[in-house]
C-alpha atoms as a PDB file:
ATOM      1  CA  MET A   1     -36.553 -23.546 -28.219  1.00  0.00           C
ATOM      2  CA  LYS A   2     -33.469 -23.010 -30.411  1.00  0.00           C
ATOM      3  CA  THR A   3     -33.359 -19.293 -29.640  1.00  0.00           C
ATOM      4  CA  MET A   4     -33.799 -19.851 -25.927  1.00  0.00           C
ATOM      5  CA  LEU A   5     -30.267 -21.180 -25.313  1.00  0.00           C
ATOM      6  CA  PRO A   6     -28.471 -18.284 -27.064  1.00  0.00           C
ATOM      7  CA  THR A   7     -30.720 -15.806 -25.242  1.00  0.00           C
ATOM      8  CA  ILE A   8     -29.880 -17.337 -21.869  1.00  0.00           C
ATOM      9  CA  ALA A   9     -26.177 -17.372 -22.734  1.00  0.00           C
ATOM     10  CA  LEU A  10     -26.346 -13.716 -23.728  1.00  0.00           C
ATOM     11  CA  LEU A  11     -28.098 -12.783 -20.478  1.00  0.00           C
ATOM     12  CA  ILE A  12     -25.482 -14.623 -18.421  1.00  0.00           C
ATOM     13  CA  LEU A  13     -22.698 -12.864 -20.320  1.00  0.00           C
ATOM     14  CA  ALA A  14     -24.341  -9.466 -19.789  1.00  0.00           C
ATOM     15  CA  LEU A  15     -24.761 -10.160 -16.083  1.00  0.00           C
ATOM     16  CA  GLY A  16     -21.099 -11.123 -15.801  1.00  0.00           C
ATOM     17  CA  LEU A  17     -19.970  -7.956 -17.556  1.00  0.00           C
ATOM     18  CA  ALA A  18     -22.261  -5.795 -15.459  1.00  0.00           C
ATOM     19  CA  SER A  19     -20.899  -7.229 -12.212  1.00  0.00           C
ATOM     20  CA  GLU A  20     -17.378  -6.130 -13.192  1.00  0.00           C
ATOM     21  CA  ALA A  21     -18.487  -2.712 -14.419  1.00  0.00           C
ATOM     22  CA  VAL A  22     -18.032  -0.863 -11.128  1.00  0.00           C
ATOM     23  CA  GLN A  23     -14.896   1.273 -11.249  1.00  0.00           C
ATOM     24  CA  VAL A  24     -13.184   3.074  -8.381  1.00  0.00           C
ATOM     25  CA  GLN A  25     -11.690   6.422  -9.366  1.00  0.00           C
ATOM     26  CA  GLU A  26      -8.505   7.717  -7.735  1.00  0.00           C
ATOM     27  CA  GLY A  27      -7.283  10.906  -9.349  1.00  0.00           C
ATOM     28  CA  GLU A  28      -6.727  10.239 -13.042  1.00  0.00           C
ATOM     29  CA  PHE A  29      -6.702   6.463 -12.522  1.00  0.00           C
ATOM     30  CA  SER A  30      -9.633   4.075 -12.552  1.00  0.00           C
ATOM     31  CA  PHE A  31      -9.538   0.595 -11.027  1.00  0.00           C
ATOM     32  CA  SER A  32     -11.947  -2.320 -11.025  1.00  0.00           C
ATOM     33  CA  LEU A  33     -13.782  -3.036  -7.804  1.00  0.00           C
ATOM     34  CA  GLU A  34     -12.204  -6.497  -7.688  1.00  0.00           C
ATOM     35  CA  ALA A  35      -8.676  -5.024  -7.929  1.00  0.00           C
ATOM     36  CA  VAL A  36      -9.429  -2.615  -5.069  1.00  0.00           C
ATOM     37  CA  ARG A  37     -10.676  -5.553  -2.996  1.00  0.00           C
ATOM     38  CA  LYS A  38      -7.387  -7.356  -3.642  1.00  0.00           C
ATOM     39  CA  LEU A  39      -5.435  -4.229  -2.634  1.00  0.00           C
ATOM     40  CA  GLN A  40      -7.437  -4.046   0.586  1.00  0.00           C
ATOM     41  CA  GLU A  41      -6.676  -7.706   1.323  1.00  0.00           C
ATOM     42  CA  LEU A  42      -2.970  -7.083   0.762  1.00  0.00           C
ATOM     43  CA  THR A  43      -2.870  -4.026   3.014  1.00  0.00           C
ATOM     44  CA  ALA A  44      -4.961  -5.767   5.678  1.00  0.00           C
ATOM     45  CA  SER A  45      -2.668  -8.786   5.758  1.00  0.00           C
ATOM     46  CA  SER A  46       0.440  -6.609   5.987  1.00  0.00           C
ATOM     47  CA  SER A  47      -1.094  -4.395   8.681  1.00  0.00           C
ATOM     48  CA  ALA A  48      -2.201  -7.372  10.769  1.00  0.00           C
ATOM     49  CA  THR A  49       1.430  -8.116  11.599  1.00  0.00           C
ATOM     50  CA  GLY A  50       2.132  -4.718  13.204  1.00  0.00           C
ATOM     51  CA  LYS A  51       0.656  -2.632  16.000  1.00  0.00           C
ATOM     52  CA  GLN A  52       0.936   0.749  14.306  1.00  0.00           C
ATOM     53  CA  ASN A  53      -2.005   2.656  12.846  1.00  0.00           C
ATOM     54  CA  PRO A  54      -2.733   1.038   9.424  1.00  0.00           C
ATOM     55  CA  ARG A  55      -3.126   4.453   7.778  1.00  0.00           C
ATOM     56  CA  LEU A  56       0.457   5.256   8.698  1.00  0.00           C
ATOM     57  CA  ARG A  57       1.826   1.882   7.656  1.00  0.00           C
ATOM     58  CA  THR A  58       0.560   1.742   4.064  1.00  0.00           C
ATOM     59  CA  SER A  59       3.785   2.031   2.117  1.00  0.00           C
ATOM     60  CA  SER A  60       3.742   2.225  -1.648  1.00  0.00           C
ATOM     61  CA  VAL A  61       7.096   0.458  -1.730  1.00  0.00           C
ATOM     62  CA  SER A  62       5.897  -2.599   0.165  1.00  0.00           C
ATOM     63  CA  VAL A  63       2.508  -2.786  -1.550  1.00  0.00           C
ATOM     64  CA  CYS A  64       3.870  -2.127  -5.027  1.00  0.00           C
ATOM     65  CA  ALA A  65       6.601  -4.746  -4.557  1.00  0.00           C
ATOM     66  CA  ASP A  66       4.056  -7.414  -3.668  1.00  0.00           C
ATOM     67  CA  PRO A  67       3.722  -9.895  -6.557  1.00  0.00           C
ATOM     68  CA  ALA A  68       0.052 -10.415  -5.689  1.00  0.00           C
ATOM     69  CA  LEU A  69      -0.784  -6.773  -6.445  1.00  0.00           C
ATOM     70  CA  PRO A  70      -3.030  -6.529  -9.530  1.00  0.00           C
ATOM     71  CA  GLU A  71      -1.149  -5.170 -12.551  1.00  0.00           C
ATOM     72  CA  GLU A  72      -3.575  -2.300 -13.022  1.00  0.00           C
ATOM     73  CA  PHE A  73      -2.000  -0.597  -9.968  1.00  0.00           C
ATOM     74  CA  LEU A  74       1.521  -0.535 -11.453  1.00  0.00           C
ATOM     75  CA  PRO A  75       1.081   2.840 -13.247  1.00  0.00           C
ATOM     76  CA  LEU A  76      -0.132   4.331  -9.964  1.00  0.00           C
ATOM     77  CA  CYS A  77       2.893   2.883  -8.142  1.00  0.00           C
ATOM     78  CA  GLN A  78       5.177   4.821 -10.479  1.00  0.00           C
ATOM     79  CA  GLN A  79       3.495   8.157  -9.700  1.00  0.00           C
ATOM     80  CA  LYS A  80       4.577  10.662  -7.075  1.00  0.00           C
ATOM     81  CA  GLY A  81       2.238  10.436  -4.093  1.00  0.00           C
ATOM     82  CA  ALA A  82       1.405   6.770  -4.675  1.00  0.00           C
ATOM     83  CA  SER A  83       1.382   6.041  -0.921  1.00  0.00           C
ATOM     84  CA  LEU A  84      -1.425   8.492  -0.303  1.00  0.00           C
ATOM     85  CA  SER A  85      -3.461   7.196  -3.248  1.00  0.00           C
ATOM     86  CA  LEU A  86      -2.974   3.572  -2.221  1.00  0.00           C
ATOM     87  CA  SER A  87      -3.959   4.308   1.362  1.00  0.00           C
ATOM     88  CA  ARG A  88      -7.145   6.058   0.174  1.00  0.00           C
ATOM     89  CA  LEU A  89      -7.982   3.060  -2.007  1.00  0.00           C
ATOM     90  CA  ALA A  90      -7.285   0.723   0.899  1.00  0.00           C
ATOM     91  CA  PHE A  91     -10.024   2.439   2.899  1.00  0.00           C
ATOM     92  CA  VAL A  92     -12.774   2.646   0.256  1.00  0.00           C
ATOM     93  CA  PRO A  93     -15.884   1.169   1.913  1.00  0.00           C
ATOM     94  CA  MET A  94     -16.736  -1.852  -0.265  1.00  0.00           C
ATOM     95  CA  ASP A  95     -20.289  -2.313   1.001  1.00  0.00           C
ATOM     96  CA  VAL A  96     -21.135   1.295   0.090  1.00  0.00           C
ATOM     97  CA  CYS A  97     -19.303   1.047  -3.227  1.00  0.00           C
ATOM     98  CA  GLU A  98     -21.272  -2.026  -4.261  1.00  0.00           C
ATOM     99  CA  ILE A  99     -24.500  -0.046  -4.043  1.00  0.00           C
ATOM    100  CA  CYS A 100     -22.883   2.976  -5.735  1.00  0.00           C
ATOM    101  CA  ALA A 101     -23.416   5.406  -2.889  1.00  0.00           C
ATOM    102  CA  PHE A 102     -19.707   6.303  -2.709  1.00  0.00           C
ATOM    103  CA  ALA A 103     -18.557   9.180  -4.893  1.00  0.00           C
ATOM    104  CA  ALA A 104     -15.402   7.415  -6.133  1.00  0.00           C
ATOM    105  CA  CYS A 105     -17.344   4.436  -7.480  1.00  0.00           C
ATOM    106  CA  THR A 106     -18.870   4.606 -10.949  1.00  0.00           C
ATOM    107  CA  GLY A 107     -20.400   2.269 -13.478  1.00  0.00           C
ATOM    108  CA  CYS A 108     -23.452   0.857 -11.749  1.00  0.00           C
END
């Protein structure tokens, strides 16, 4: 009985770590699945205000200046070609990534 509680706690911890293990690769950078979700929310909310094609509207300046952007994207924002990388990340299919069928997603 005494070993049961630590075992359960260890299993819960392992499950929590495994759920955050999926990484999305963009060039030399790797981002957590949760951070990519947040980026997609930010780009979706900014694109909902305009009528232009969302692929053309994704601006690294506007996204990178957003205080809600996860910090792990800041090195990417400083790179040349950040707009293209951010727009690719904004269109990663999350449902496919969660089952690891998308080539950019690793760590399942």
